[in-house]
Protein backbone atom coordinates (compact mmCIF):
# COMPACT_ATOMS: atom_id res chain seq x y z
CA MET A 1 1.38 -10.45 -19.09
CA ASP A 2 2.78 -7.11 -18.81
CA LYS A 3 6.59 -7.14 -17.67
CA LEU A 4 7.24 -5.96 -14.14
CA SER A 5 9.18 -2.62 -14.16
CA LEU A 6 12.18 -2.72 -11.94
CA GLY A 7 13.95 0.14 -10.26
CA ILE A 8 17.49 -0.92 -8.90
CA LEU A 9 19.18 0.88 -5.91
CA ALA A 10 23.00 0.30 -5.67
CA SER A 11 25.87 1.58 -3.92
CA GLY A 12 28.72 -0.56 -5.12
CA ARG A 13 29.95 -2.90 -7.90
CA GLY A 14 26.52 -3.76 -9.24
CA SER A 15 26.84 -7.32 -9.92
CA ASN A 16 23.37 -8.16 -8.59
CA PHE A 17 22.12 -5.60 -10.95
CA ALA A 18 23.86 -7.07 -13.70
CA ALA A 19 22.57 -10.83 -12.81
CA ILE A 20 19.09 -9.07 -12.60
CA ALA A 21 19.62 -7.31 -16.17
CA ARG A 22 20.98 -10.34 -17.63
CA ALA A 23 18.17 -12.55 -16.56
CA CYS A 24 15.81 -9.90 -18.05
CA ARG A 25 17.61 -9.79 -21.26
CA GLN A 26 17.60 -13.43 -21.67
CA GLY A 27 13.69 -13.86 -20.98
CA GLU A 28 14.43 -15.73 -17.84
CA ILE A 29 12.11 -13.32 -15.76
CA ASP A 30 9.19 -11.20 -16.96
CA ALA A 31 10.74 -8.05 -15.80
CA GLU A 32 12.46 -5.05 -17.11
CA VAL A 33 14.92 -2.77 -15.38
CA LYS A 34 13.79 0.89 -16.12
CA VAL A 35 16.02 2.61 -14.00
CA LEU A 36 19.09 2.34 -11.68
CA LEU A 37 19.87 4.89 -8.89
CA SER A 38 22.85 5.16 -6.80
CA ASP A 39 24.11 7.44 -3.81
CA ASN A 40 27.78 6.74 -4.68
CA PRO A 41 29.36 8.46 -7.36
CA GLY A 42 32.06 6.14 -7.49
CA ALA A 43 29.59 3.19 -7.89
CA ARG A 44 30.54 0.72 -10.58
CA ALA A 45 26.80 -0.06 -10.98
CA LEU A 46 26.34 3.26 -12.51
CA GLU A 47 28.74 2.27 -15.49
CA LEU A 48 27.31 -0.98 -15.87
CA ALA A 49 23.96 0.16 -16.18
CA ARG A 50 25.08 2.81 -18.75
CA GLU A 51 26.87 -0.09 -20.78
CA THR A 52 23.63 -1.94 -20.90
CA GLY A 53 21.52 1.22 -21.97
CA THR A 54 19.72 1.45 -18.69
CA PRO A 55 19.01 4.81 -17.49
CA ALA A 56 21.16 5.66 -14.46
CA PHE A 57 21.57 8.55 -12.26
CA LEU A 58 23.56 9.43 -9.01
CA ILE A 59 21.51 11.34 -6.50
CA ASP A 60 24.04 12.59 -4.18
CA PRO A 61 22.77 12.51 -0.36
CA ALA A 62 25.02 15.47 0.26
CA ALA A 63 22.47 17.66 -1.57
CA PHE A 64 19.68 17.00 0.79
CA PRO A 65 18.91 18.22 4.25
CA ASN A 66 17.93 14.56 5.74
CA ARG A 67 17.15 11.13 4.73
CA GLU A 68 13.46 11.55 4.20
CA ALA A 69 14.07 14.53 1.64
CA TYR A 70 16.64 12.11 -0.05
CA ASP A 71 13.98 9.27 -0.33
CA ALA A 72 11.60 11.71 -1.67
CA ALA A 73 13.89 12.43 -4.47
CA LEU A 74 14.46 8.68 -5.17
CA VAL A 75 10.65 8.31 -5.23
CA ASP A 76 10.06 10.95 -7.67
CA ARG A 77 12.82 9.62 -9.96
CA LEU A 78 11.49 5.86 -9.83
CA GLN A 79 7.87 7.13 -10.32
CA GLN A 80 9.07 8.98 -13.50
CA TYR A 81 10.19 5.69 -14.69
CA GLY A 82 6.93 3.86 -13.98
CA VAL A 83 8.52 1.42 -11.38
CA ASP A 84 6.44 -1.40 -10.03
CA LEU A 85 9.09 -3.09 -7.65
CA VAL A 86 12.21 -1.61 -6.09
CA ALA A 87 15.00 -3.91 -5.57
CA LEU A 88 17.99 -2.97 -3.33
CA ALA A 89 21.39 -4.45 -4.63
CA GLY A 90 24.25 -3.62 -2.60
CA TYR A 91 22.47 -0.45 -1.53
CA MET A 92 24.30 0.87 1.59
CA ARG A 93 21.72 3.55 3.03
CA LEU A 94 18.59 2.61 5.43
CA VAL A 95 15.61 3.52 3.67
CA THR A 96 12.95 5.78 5.24
CA PRO A 97 9.13 5.27 5.57
CA VAL A 98 8.88 7.81 2.56
CA LEU A 99 10.17 5.15 0.14
CA LEU A 100 8.35 2.44 1.78
CA ALA A 101 5.02 4.15 1.77
CA ALA A 102 5.35 4.96 -2.07
CA PHE A 103 6.00 1.23 -2.71
CA PRO A 104 4.19 -0.81 0.16
CA ARG A 105 5.47 -4.38 0.18
CA ARG A 106 7.38 -3.52 -3.06
CA VAL A 107 10.81 -3.01 -2.00
CA ILE A 108 13.15 -5.85 -1.54
CA ASN A 109 16.67 -6.45 -0.59
CA ILE A 110 19.27 -9.45 -0.90
CA HIS A 111 21.56 -9.91 2.17
CA PRO A 112 24.59 -12.31 2.15
CA SER A 113 23.59 -14.43 5.29
CA LEU A 114 20.71 -16.68 6.38
CA LEU A 115 18.75 -13.84 8.29
CA PRO A 116 18.10 -13.28 11.16
CA ALA A 117 21.63 -14.45 11.53
CA PHE A 118 24.34 -11.95 10.90
CA PRO A 119 22.32 -8.74 9.62
CA GLY A 120 24.38 -5.50 9.00
CA LEU A 121 27.60 -4.99 7.35
CA GLU A 122 30.19 -7.77 6.35
CA ALA A 123 27.79 -10.64 6.95
CA GLN A 124 30.06 -13.14 5.25
CA ARG A 125 32.88 -12.33 7.82
CA GLN A 126 30.58 -12.21 10.71
CA ALA A 127 29.55 -15.85 9.72
CA PHE A 128 33.12 -16.92 9.12
CA GLU A 129 34.55 -15.51 12.17
CA TYR A 130 31.51 -17.08 14.26
CA GLY A 131 32.38 -20.39 12.96
CA VAL A 132 28.99 -21.51 11.71
CA LYS A 133 29.02 -24.32 9.39
CA VAL A 134 26.33 -23.05 6.94
CA THR A 135 25.62 -19.63 5.97
CA GLY A 136 23.81 -18.33 2.74
CA CYS A 137 21.88 -15.53 1.39
CA THR A 138 18.40 -14.17 1.85
CA VAL A 139 15.83 -11.87 -0.10
CA HIS A 140 13.59 -10.26 2.08
CA PHE A 141 10.97 -7.38 2.02
CA VAL A 142 12.40 -4.23 3.38
CA ASP A 143 11.33 -2.59 6.43
CA GLU A 144 12.65 0.45 8.66
CA GLY A 145 15.00 -1.98 10.38
CA VAL A 146 18.42 -3.18 9.40
CA ASP A 147 17.91 -6.48 7.46
CA THR A 148 14.72 -7.11 9.50
CA GLY A 149 11.96 -7.33 6.92
CA PRO A 150 9.92 -10.47 6.21
CA ILE A 151 11.84 -13.15 4.43
CA ILE A 152 11.01 -14.24 1.13
CA ALA A 153 13.63 -17.08 0.18
CA GLN A 154 16.74 -18.13 1.25
CA VAL A 155 19.57 -20.50 -0.02
CA PRO A 156 22.17 -22.38 2.09
CA VAL A 157 25.85 -22.20 1.45
CA PRO A 158 28.24 -24.50 3.51
CA VAL A 159 31.46 -23.14 4.92
CA ARG A 160 34.09 -25.42 3.60
CA PRO A 161 37.19 -26.06 5.92
CA ALA A 162 39.64 -24.38 3.01
CA ASP A 163 37.44 -21.17 2.97
CA THR A 164 38.41 -17.61 4.05
CA ALA A 165 36.00 -14.87 4.83
CA GLU A 166 37.03 -13.76 1.16
CA THR A 167 36.12 -17.05 -0.53
CA LEU A 168 33.09 -17.67 1.52
CA ALA A 169 31.80 -14.17 0.12
CA ASP A 170 32.55 -15.28 -3.41
CA HIS A 171 30.42 -18.61 -2.97
CA ILE A 172 27.55 -16.74 -1.50
CA LEU A 173 27.69 -14.25 -4.25
CA VAL A 174 27.27 -16.93 -6.79
CA GLU A 175 23.91 -17.93 -5.09
CA GLU A 176 22.67 -14.50 -4.84
CA HIS A 177 22.93 -14.09 -8.57
CA LYS A 178 20.66 -17.03 -8.93
CA LEU A 179 18.42 -16.27 -5.99
CA TYR A 180 17.58 -12.70 -6.70
CA PRO A 181 16.27 -13.18 -10.37
CA ARG A 182 14.24 -16.28 -9.00
CA VAL A 183 12.42 -14.04 -6.51
CA ILE A 184 11.54 -11.34 -8.73
CA GLN A 185 9.90 -13.92 -11.21
CA LEU A 186 8.06 -15.12 -8.40
CA ILE A 187 6.72 -11.65 -7.73
CA ALA A 188 6.15 -11.17 -11.32
CA GLU A 189 3.87 -14.10 -11.44
CA GLY A 190 2.03 -12.97 -8.52
CA ARG A 191 3.30 -15.86 -6.47
CA VAL A 192 4.18 -14.17 -3.37
CA ARG A 193 1.63 -12.90 -0.53
CA MET A 194 2.07 -12.33 3.13
CA GLU A 195 0.33 -13.58 6.21
CA GLY A 196 1.59 -11.31 9.15
CA ARG A 197 5.21 -11.80 8.90
CA ARG A 198 5.17 -14.99 6.96
CA VAL A 199 5.64 -14.66 3.22
CA ILE A 200 3.62 -17.62 1.40
CA ILE A 201 4.91 -18.90 -2.06
CA ILE A 202 2.09 -20.11 -4.07
CA PRO A 203 3.00 -22.88 -6.41
CA GLY A 204 2.04 -22.10 -9.88
CA ALA A 205 -0.91 -19.96 -8.97
CA PRO A 206 -1.51 -16.35 -9.98
CA GLY A 207 -2.27 -13.39 -7.61
CA PHE A 208 -1.36 -12.67 -4.10
C-alpha cells in the first residue's frame, strides 16, 4: 500500500507534529510527512521539522493581501509536495474555502476538548473553569467554522480533583499525541467515510 502523504500546518511548539512524525518513522502509521508549513516565524515546529529532515517553510501572512491569497500560497506549496492529507497541528489561523476546495474532506484538526463543547482558544482552561468532570480531545474534519467540522474520533480525559488548568492541558496533550496518529492511520487504511455530518469508521474494511 502506498503511504499517505501528509502536509502539516503548525503555529506553535509542534508537539503534535513530533508525535505524527515519530509514528511515521516507527512504522505505526502508513504515512509520511512531506512538508510542514507555518505562519509564525517563532514556531518551534519549524525547528523540530528541520531537525527531522522534513522540509519546513515559513509563509508569512503579512506578505499577502487577504486570507484567500494566503491560503492559495499554502495550497501551491502543499501540492508541490504531493500532499494527500492536510493535518492542522496547533495551527492558529482559520482556513478559507480556497484550502478546503483544494483538499476536499482531506483537512483535519485536533482540538483539546470534547467538541462541540469548548471550541476556540484555551479550550482546556474553558473546561476547567466551567467545572466539567470530563473533557478530552477531538479529531475532526475542518470546515469554514471554528472547530465545527464533522467529528472523526474523541478520547475522554477526566478532570482530577488536584488538576489546574495547566495540568489538565498536559493530560489532554498526552492523549492528543496518541489519537492523532491513530486517526491518520484510519484514513490511510481507507476506513473513514461520511454520511452527512456523521463520520463512520469501518472496522477493518478498505475504502470509504
